[in-house]
N, C-alpha and C. Protein backbone atom coordinates (compact mmCIF):
# COMPACT_ATOMS: atom_id res chain seq x y z
N UNK A 1 -22.03 -14.89 -7.18
CA UNK A 1 -21.85 -14.99 -5.75
C UNK A 1 -20.42 -15.42 -5.45
N UNK A 2 -19.81 -14.77 -4.48
CA UNK A 2 -18.45 -15.09 -4.07
C UNK A 2 -18.52 -16.15 -2.98
N UNK A 3 -17.75 -17.21 -3.17
CA UNK A 3 -17.71 -18.24 -2.14
C UNK A 3 -16.39 -18.14 -1.40
N UNK A 4 -16.48 -18.17 -0.07
CA UNK A 4 -15.28 -18.10 0.75
C UNK A 4 -14.66 -19.47 0.86
N UNK A 5 -13.35 -19.48 1.02
CA UNK A 5 -12.67 -20.74 1.27
C UNK A 5 -13.12 -21.30 2.60
N UNK A 6 -12.96 -22.59 2.74
CA UNK A 6 -13.35 -23.27 3.98
C UNK A 6 -12.57 -22.70 5.16
N UNK A 7 -13.26 -22.50 6.27
CA UNK A 7 -12.59 -22.01 7.47
C UNK A 7 -11.65 -23.07 8.03
N UNK A 8 -10.44 -22.63 8.29
CA UNK A 8 -9.48 -23.48 8.97
C UNK A 8 -9.12 -22.76 10.26
N UNK A 9 -8.55 -23.46 11.23
CA UNK A 9 -8.17 -22.76 12.46
C UNK A 9 -7.24 -21.57 12.20
N UNK A 10 -6.33 -21.69 11.23
CA UNK A 10 -5.41 -20.58 10.91
C UNK A 10 -6.16 -19.40 10.31
N UNK A 11 -7.10 -19.66 9.41
CA UNK A 11 -7.88 -18.56 8.81
C UNK A 11 -8.72 -17.84 9.85
N UNK A 12 -9.31 -18.60 10.76
CA UNK A 12 -10.11 -18.00 11.83
C UNK A 12 -9.21 -17.13 12.71
N UNK A 13 -8.02 -17.65 13.05
CA UNK A 13 -7.07 -16.88 13.87
C UNK A 13 -6.63 -15.62 13.15
N UNK A 14 -6.36 -15.72 11.84
CA UNK A 14 -5.94 -14.55 11.06
C UNK A 14 -7.03 -13.47 11.05
N UNK A 15 -8.28 -13.88 10.84
CA UNK A 15 -9.39 -12.91 10.83
C UNK A 15 -9.54 -12.23 12.19
N UNK A 16 -9.41 -13.02 13.25
CA UNK A 16 -9.54 -12.47 14.60
C UNK A 16 -8.42 -11.46 14.86
N UNK A 17 -7.19 -11.81 14.46
CA UNK A 17 -6.05 -10.91 14.64
C UNK A 17 -6.26 -9.62 13.86
N UNK A 18 -6.69 -9.74 12.59
CA UNK A 18 -6.90 -8.55 11.75
C UNK A 18 -7.98 -7.65 12.34
N UNK A 19 -9.07 -8.24 12.82
CA UNK A 19 -10.14 -7.45 13.41
C UNK A 19 -9.65 -6.73 14.67
N UNK A 20 -8.84 -7.42 15.46
CA UNK A 20 -8.35 -6.85 16.72
C UNK A 20 -7.35 -5.72 16.48
N UNK A 21 -6.54 -5.84 15.44
CA UNK A 21 -5.46 -4.88 15.20
C UNK A 21 -5.73 -3.88 14.08
N UNK A 22 -6.94 -3.87 13.54
CA UNK A 22 -7.26 -2.99 12.42
C UNK A 22 -7.05 -1.51 12.75
N UNK A 23 -7.56 -1.08 13.88
CA UNK A 23 -7.44 0.34 14.26
C UNK A 23 -5.99 0.73 14.47
N UNK A 24 -5.20 -0.14 15.09
CA UNK A 24 -3.78 0.13 15.32
C UNK A 24 -3.04 0.29 13.99
N UNK A 25 -3.33 -0.59 13.03
CA UNK A 25 -2.70 -0.50 11.71
C UNK A 25 -3.09 0.78 11.00
N UNK A 26 -4.37 1.13 11.07
CA UNK A 26 -4.84 2.34 10.40
C UNK A 26 -4.25 3.59 11.03
N UNK A 27 -4.03 3.57 12.33
CA UNK A 27 -3.44 4.72 13.01
C UNK A 27 -1.96 4.87 12.67
N UNK A 28 -1.30 3.75 12.36
CA UNK A 28 0.14 3.77 12.12
C UNK A 28 0.50 4.12 10.68
N UNK A 29 -0.41 3.91 9.74
CA UNK A 29 -0.06 4.17 8.34
C UNK A 29 -1.29 4.63 7.56
N UNK A 30 -1.03 5.14 6.36
CA UNK A 30 -2.11 5.65 5.53
C UNK A 30 -1.95 5.21 4.10
N UNK A 31 -2.98 5.52 3.31
CA UNK A 31 -2.98 5.12 1.92
C UNK A 31 -3.63 6.24 1.12
N UNK A 32 -3.02 6.60 0.00
CA UNK A 32 -3.56 7.67 -0.83
C UNK A 32 -4.77 7.22 -1.64
N UNK A 33 -4.91 5.94 -1.89
CA UNK A 33 -6.03 5.37 -2.65
C UNK A 33 -6.38 6.21 -3.87
N UNK A 34 -5.46 6.28 -4.79
CA UNK A 34 -5.68 7.07 -5.99
C UNK A 34 -5.43 6.23 -7.23
N UNK A 35 -6.04 6.59 -8.30
CA UNK A 35 -5.86 5.89 -9.57
C UNK A 35 -5.20 6.85 -10.54
N UNK A 36 -4.27 6.32 -11.33
CA UNK A 36 -3.64 7.11 -12.39
C UNK A 36 -3.72 6.29 -13.68
N UNK A 37 -3.63 6.95 -14.83
CA UNK A 37 -3.68 6.21 -16.09
C UNK A 37 -2.58 5.15 -16.15
N UNK A 38 -2.88 4.00 -16.74
CA UNK A 38 -1.94 2.88 -16.81
C UNK A 38 -0.61 3.29 -17.42
N UNK A 39 -0.64 4.09 -18.49
CA UNK A 39 0.60 4.50 -19.16
C UNK A 39 1.51 5.26 -18.19
N UNK A 40 0.95 6.19 -17.44
CA UNK A 40 1.73 6.96 -16.47
C UNK A 40 2.24 6.05 -15.35
N UNK A 41 1.39 5.14 -14.90
CA UNK A 41 1.78 4.19 -13.86
C UNK A 41 2.99 3.37 -14.31
N UNK A 42 2.94 2.85 -15.52
CA UNK A 42 4.05 2.03 -16.03
C UNK A 42 5.32 2.86 -16.20
N UNK A 43 5.17 4.11 -16.63
CA UNK A 43 6.32 5.00 -16.78
C UNK A 43 6.98 5.27 -15.43
N UNK A 44 6.18 5.56 -14.42
CA UNK A 44 6.72 5.83 -13.08
C UNK A 44 7.36 4.57 -12.50
N UNK A 45 6.70 3.43 -12.68
CA UNK A 45 7.24 2.17 -12.16
C UNK A 45 8.59 1.85 -12.80
N UNK A 46 8.72 2.05 -14.10
CA UNK A 46 9.99 1.80 -14.79
C UNK A 46 11.06 2.76 -14.28
N UNK A 47 10.71 4.02 -14.11
CA UNK A 47 11.62 5.03 -13.58
C UNK A 47 12.15 4.62 -12.21
N UNK A 48 11.26 4.16 -11.34
CA UNK A 48 11.65 3.75 -9.99
C UNK A 48 12.51 2.49 -10.01
N UNK A 49 12.18 1.55 -10.89
CA UNK A 49 12.98 0.32 -11.00
C UNK A 49 14.41 0.65 -11.42
N UNK A 50 14.56 1.55 -12.39
CA UNK A 50 15.89 1.95 -12.86
C UNK A 50 16.73 2.52 -11.72
N UNK A 51 16.09 3.18 -10.79
CA UNK A 51 16.79 3.83 -9.68
C UNK A 51 16.74 3.00 -8.40
N UNK A 52 16.19 1.79 -8.49
CA UNK A 52 16.08 0.90 -7.33
C UNK A 52 15.44 1.62 -6.15
N UNK A 53 14.30 2.26 -6.43
CA UNK A 53 13.62 3.10 -5.46
C UNK A 53 12.19 2.59 -5.26
N UNK A 54 11.70 2.59 -4.02
CA UNK A 54 10.32 2.18 -3.78
C UNK A 54 9.39 3.37 -3.98
N UNK A 55 8.10 3.08 -4.12
CA UNK A 55 7.12 4.16 -4.27
C UNK A 55 7.07 5.01 -3.01
N UNK A 56 7.21 4.38 -1.86
CA UNK A 56 7.20 5.13 -0.60
C UNK A 56 8.40 6.07 -0.54
N UNK A 57 9.59 5.58 -0.92
CA UNK A 57 10.77 6.44 -0.94
C UNK A 57 10.57 7.62 -1.90
N UNK A 58 9.95 7.33 -3.05
CA UNK A 58 9.68 8.37 -4.05
C UNK A 58 8.75 9.44 -3.48
N UNK A 59 7.70 9.02 -2.81
CA UNK A 59 6.74 9.97 -2.23
C UNK A 59 7.42 10.82 -1.17
N UNK A 60 8.22 10.20 -0.32
CA UNK A 60 8.93 10.95 0.73
C UNK A 60 9.88 11.98 0.12
N UNK A 61 10.64 11.55 -0.89
CA UNK A 61 11.62 12.45 -1.53
C UNK A 61 10.90 13.62 -2.20
N UNK A 62 9.84 13.33 -2.94
CA UNK A 62 9.07 14.38 -3.63
C UNK A 62 8.47 15.35 -2.61
N UNK A 63 7.97 14.81 -1.53
CA UNK A 63 7.39 15.65 -0.48
C UNK A 63 8.44 16.61 0.11
N UNK A 64 9.61 16.07 0.41
CA UNK A 64 10.68 16.90 0.98
C UNK A 64 11.10 18.00 0.00
N UNK A 65 11.21 17.65 -1.28
CA UNK A 65 11.61 18.64 -2.30
C UNK A 65 10.56 19.75 -2.39
N UNK A 66 9.29 19.36 -2.47
CA UNK A 66 8.22 20.37 -2.60
C UNK A 66 8.07 21.19 -1.32
N UNK A 67 8.25 20.57 -0.18
CA UNK A 67 8.12 21.28 1.10
C UNK A 67 9.20 22.35 1.23
N UNK A 68 10.39 22.08 0.70
CA UNK A 68 11.51 23.02 0.83
C UNK A 68 11.56 24.07 -0.28
N UNK A 69 10.62 24.08 -1.18
CA UNK A 69 10.61 25.09 -2.24
C UNK A 69 10.05 26.39 -1.74
């Protein structure tokens, strides 16, 4: 059984804010929710670190390249 931390006024406020703004957040952004093998994940992460590039930047760049082919 999972036990929740004790409710504090800040935690209650955070939950209320998240519930109120959930739809707005979901409309503004998306998530691919995909799993890849750990080895490939680590290889891609190392590649991006070497180039000081975020995963979002990588996805945008790859999308633009493939779209223009």
